[in-house]
Amino acid sequence: MILVGANTIRTENYAPPPKPLAIVSNNLDLPAGLAMFKEAKAQTPRSMVLTSQAAIDRSPSDLRERIDLIACGAAEVDLETAVAALADQGLTRIHCEGGPKLLGSLIAASLLDELLLTISPVLVGGTDHLISTPALPALTAKPVHVLTESGSVFSRYLLASND
């Protein structure tokens, strides 16, 4: 299962996915005009949003027609509950595409067991961060794979507690 933050869905304007996504959103800001909804076909798999019961209670009915809503906390998303909800559906291998806030929250909740990190030989400016959650605990990661291709470095790290 691919886990992704709603802000990443909006920012990158994801196309309809070939397999269902699990989207984390506290406020259900997922407009109908997003490509994943607007360009969806009858055979496009239905994704889900892991959200709070409060957000579900105030969600527009047209959103419920586009995507499955799963309560994972009363007022805001509890990531441990969200991961458990995915596991209850047999979805125990979770690949997180982010973004930075979701990645930081997973680390803070001790729910990250490996990190796939790509370094590209292109420098760009900006204010974005890999992780945008302050005051995270220091994590020790063990590199288990490092590959290079066309100047990019692809690495896989396991967290020390999962050796």
Protein backbone atom coordinates (compact mmCIF):
# COMPACT_ATOMS: atom_id res chain seq x y z
CA MET A 1 0.00 0.00 0.00
CA ILE A 2 1.27 3.47 -0.84
CA LEU A 3 0.70 6.00 1.95
CA VAL A 4 0.77 9.66 0.97
CA GLY A 5 -0.11 12.96 2.58
CA ALA A 6 -3.01 14.98 1.19
CA ASN A 7 -0.76 18.00 0.67
CA THR A 8 1.49 15.90 -1.58
CA ILE A 9 -1.59 14.74 -3.55
CA ARG A 10 -2.63 18.39 -4.04
CA THR A 11 0.86 19.78 -4.73
CA GLU A 12 1.85 17.10 -7.23
CA ASN A 13 -1.71 16.70 -8.56
CA TYR A 14 -1.48 12.91 -8.68
CA ALA A 15 -3.02 11.20 -11.69
CA PRO A 16 -5.50 8.36 -11.09
CA PRO A 17 -3.40 5.64 -9.48
CA PRO A 18 -3.15 2.13 -10.97
CA LYS A 19 -3.58 0.75 -7.43
CA PRO A 20 -5.47 2.26 -4.48
CA LEU A 21 -3.68 4.83 -2.34
CA ALA A 22 -4.01 5.46 1.39
CA ILE A 23 -4.11 9.24 1.84
CA VAL A 24 -3.61 10.88 5.24
CA SER A 25 -5.66 14.04 5.76
CA ASN A 26 -6.81 15.86 8.88
CA ASN A 27 -9.12 18.25 7.00
CA LEU A 28 -10.21 16.34 3.84
CA ASP A 29 -9.12 19.14 1.50
CA LEU A 30 -9.29 16.95 -1.61
CA PRO A 31 -11.11 18.96 -4.30
CA ALA A 32 -13.03 17.23 -7.10
CA GLY A 33 -10.81 19.04 -9.63
CA LEU A 34 -7.72 17.02 -8.66
CA ALA A 35 -6.48 14.86 -11.55
CA MET A 36 -6.88 11.66 -9.52
CA PHE A 37 -10.64 12.31 -9.43
CA LYS A 38 -11.21 14.31 -12.62
CA GLU A 39 -9.35 11.87 -14.87
CA ALA A 40 -10.55 8.68 -13.14
CA LYS A 41 -12.21 6.01 -15.27
CA ALA A 42 -14.74 3.38 -14.23
CA GLN A 43 -11.91 0.85 -13.78
CA THR A 44 -9.74 3.21 -11.67
CA PRO A 45 -9.32 1.63 -8.22
CA ARG A 46 -10.92 3.46 -5.33
CA SER A 47 -8.44 4.96 -2.88
CA MET A 48 -9.02 5.68 0.80
CA VAL A 49 -8.45 8.58 3.14
CA LEU A 50 -7.27 7.98 6.69
CA THR A 51 -8.77 10.90 8.57
CA SER A 52 -10.54 11.88 11.79
CA GLN A 53 -14.15 11.20 12.67
CA ALA A 54 -14.65 14.96 13.04
CA ALA A 55 -13.51 15.50 9.42
CA ILE A 56 -15.78 12.69 8.21
CA ASP A 57 -18.76 14.22 10.03
CA ARG A 58 -18.32 17.51 8.20
CA SER A 59 -17.21 16.09 4.82
CA PRO A 60 -19.15 16.94 1.68
CA SER A 61 -21.22 14.07 0.27
CA ASP A 62 -19.53 14.33 -3.14
CA LEU A 63 -16.18 13.44 -1.51
CA ARG A 64 -17.70 10.24 -0.10
CA GLU A 65 -18.70 9.32 -3.65
CA ARG A 66 -15.08 9.60 -4.86
CA ILE A 67 -13.07 8.00 -2.07
CA ASP A 68 -13.45 5.76 1.01
CA LEU A 69 -13.15 7.58 4.34
CA ILE A 70 -11.70 5.73 7.34
CA ALA A 71 -11.79 7.24 10.83
CA CYS A 72 -8.40 6.99 12.54
CA GLY A 73 -8.92 9.26 15.52
CA ALA A 74 -11.60 11.53 16.96
CA ALA A 75 -10.32 15.06 16.17
CA GLU A 76 -7.15 14.36 14.18
CA VAL A 77 -5.44 11.40 12.54
CA ASP A 78 -3.66 9.07 14.93
CA LEU A 79 -1.00 7.36 12.80
CA GLU A 80 -0.83 4.24 14.98
CA THR A 81 -4.58 3.80 14.46
CA ALA A 82 -4.14 4.47 10.73
CA VAL A 83 -1.43 1.82 10.36
CA ALA A 84 -3.58 -0.62 12.37
CA ALA A 85 -6.58 0.14 10.10
CA LEU A 86 -4.47 -0.72 7.05
CA ALA A 87 -3.23 -3.90 8.73
CA ASP A 88 -6.85 -4.89 9.48
CA GLN A 89 -7.37 -4.85 5.70
CA GLY A 90 -4.31 -7.07 5.17
CA LEU A 91 -2.17 -4.10 4.10
CA THR A 92 0.93 -4.61 6.22
CA ARG A 93 3.61 -3.48 3.73
CA ILE A 94 3.32 0.28 3.58
CA HIS A 95 5.43 2.48 1.32
CA CYS A 96 5.22 6.15 2.30
CA GLU A 97 5.68 8.70 -0.47
CA GLY A 98 5.42 11.55 1.99
CA GLY A 99 5.46 14.39 2.18
CA PRO A 100 7.81 15.88 4.75
CA LYS A 101 5.16 16.38 7.44
CA LEU A 102 3.85 12.81 7.13
CA LEU A 103 7.39 11.37 7.14
CA GLY A 104 8.26 13.37 10.27
CA SER A 105 5.04 12.28 11.97
CA LEU A 106 5.75 8.61 11.19
CA ILE A 107 9.25 8.98 12.66
CA ALA A 108 7.89 10.75 15.77
CA ALA A 109 5.38 7.91 16.26
CA SER A 110 8.16 5.28 15.84
CA LEU A 111 6.35 3.82 12.83
CA LEU A 112 9.19 4.04 10.31
CA ASP A 113 11.29 0.88 9.92
CA GLU A 114 13.20 1.70 6.74
CA LEU A 115 14.06 4.70 4.62
CA LEU A 116 14.56 4.74 0.85
CA LEU A 117 16.56 7.82 -0.05
CA THR A 118 17.49 9.00 -3.55
CA ILE A 119 20.11 11.64 -4.15
CA SER A 120 19.98 13.19 -7.61
CA PRO A 121 22.82 15.17 -9.17
CA VAL A 122 20.61 18.22 -9.64
CA LEU A 123 20.76 21.17 -7.25
CA VAL A 124 17.68 23.34 -6.81
CA GLY A 125 16.85 26.12 -4.42
CA GLY A 126 13.83 26.32 -2.20
CA THR A 127 12.59 26.07 1.34
CA ASP A 128 11.30 22.48 1.29
CA HIS A 129 12.73 19.95 3.73
CA LEU A 130 12.95 16.18 3.69
CA ILE A 131 11.34 16.15 7.14
CA SER A 132 9.32 19.08 8.43
CA THR A 133 8.52 17.94 11.97
CA PRO A 134 10.64 19.68 14.61
CA ALA A 135 12.30 17.99 17.59
CA LEU A 136 12.54 14.45 16.26
CA PRO A 137 14.55 11.88 18.15
CA ALA A 138 17.96 11.06 16.67
CA LEU A 139 17.70 7.85 14.66
CA THR A 140 20.52 5.57 13.73
CA ALA A 141 20.04 3.94 10.36
CA LYS A 142 22.00 1.06 8.87
CA PRO A 143 22.61 1.17 5.11
CA VAL A 144 21.64 -2.15 3.53
CA HIS A 145 21.61 -1.26 -0.20
CA VAL A 146 23.35 1.46 -2.17
CA LEU A 147 23.00 1.59 -5.95
CA THR A 148 24.02 4.19 -8.49
CA GLU A 149 22.60 4.92 -11.92
CA SER A 150 23.20 7.91 -14.19
CA GLY A 151 24.69 9.92 -11.35
CA SER A 152 21.86 9.25 -8.89
CA VAL A 153 22.41 7.37 -5.65
CA PHE A 154 19.61 5.08 -4.48
CA SER A 155 19.92 3.91 -0.87
CA ARG A 156 17.92 1.80 1.55
CA TYR A 157 18.42 2.14 5.29
CA LEU A 158 16.99 0.07 8.15
CA LEU A 159 16.44 1.77 11.46
CA ALA A 160 18.67 0.49 14.26
CA SER A 161 15.72 -0.91 16.25
CA ASN A 162 14.79 -3.16 13.28
CA ASP A 163 18.16 -4.91 12.66
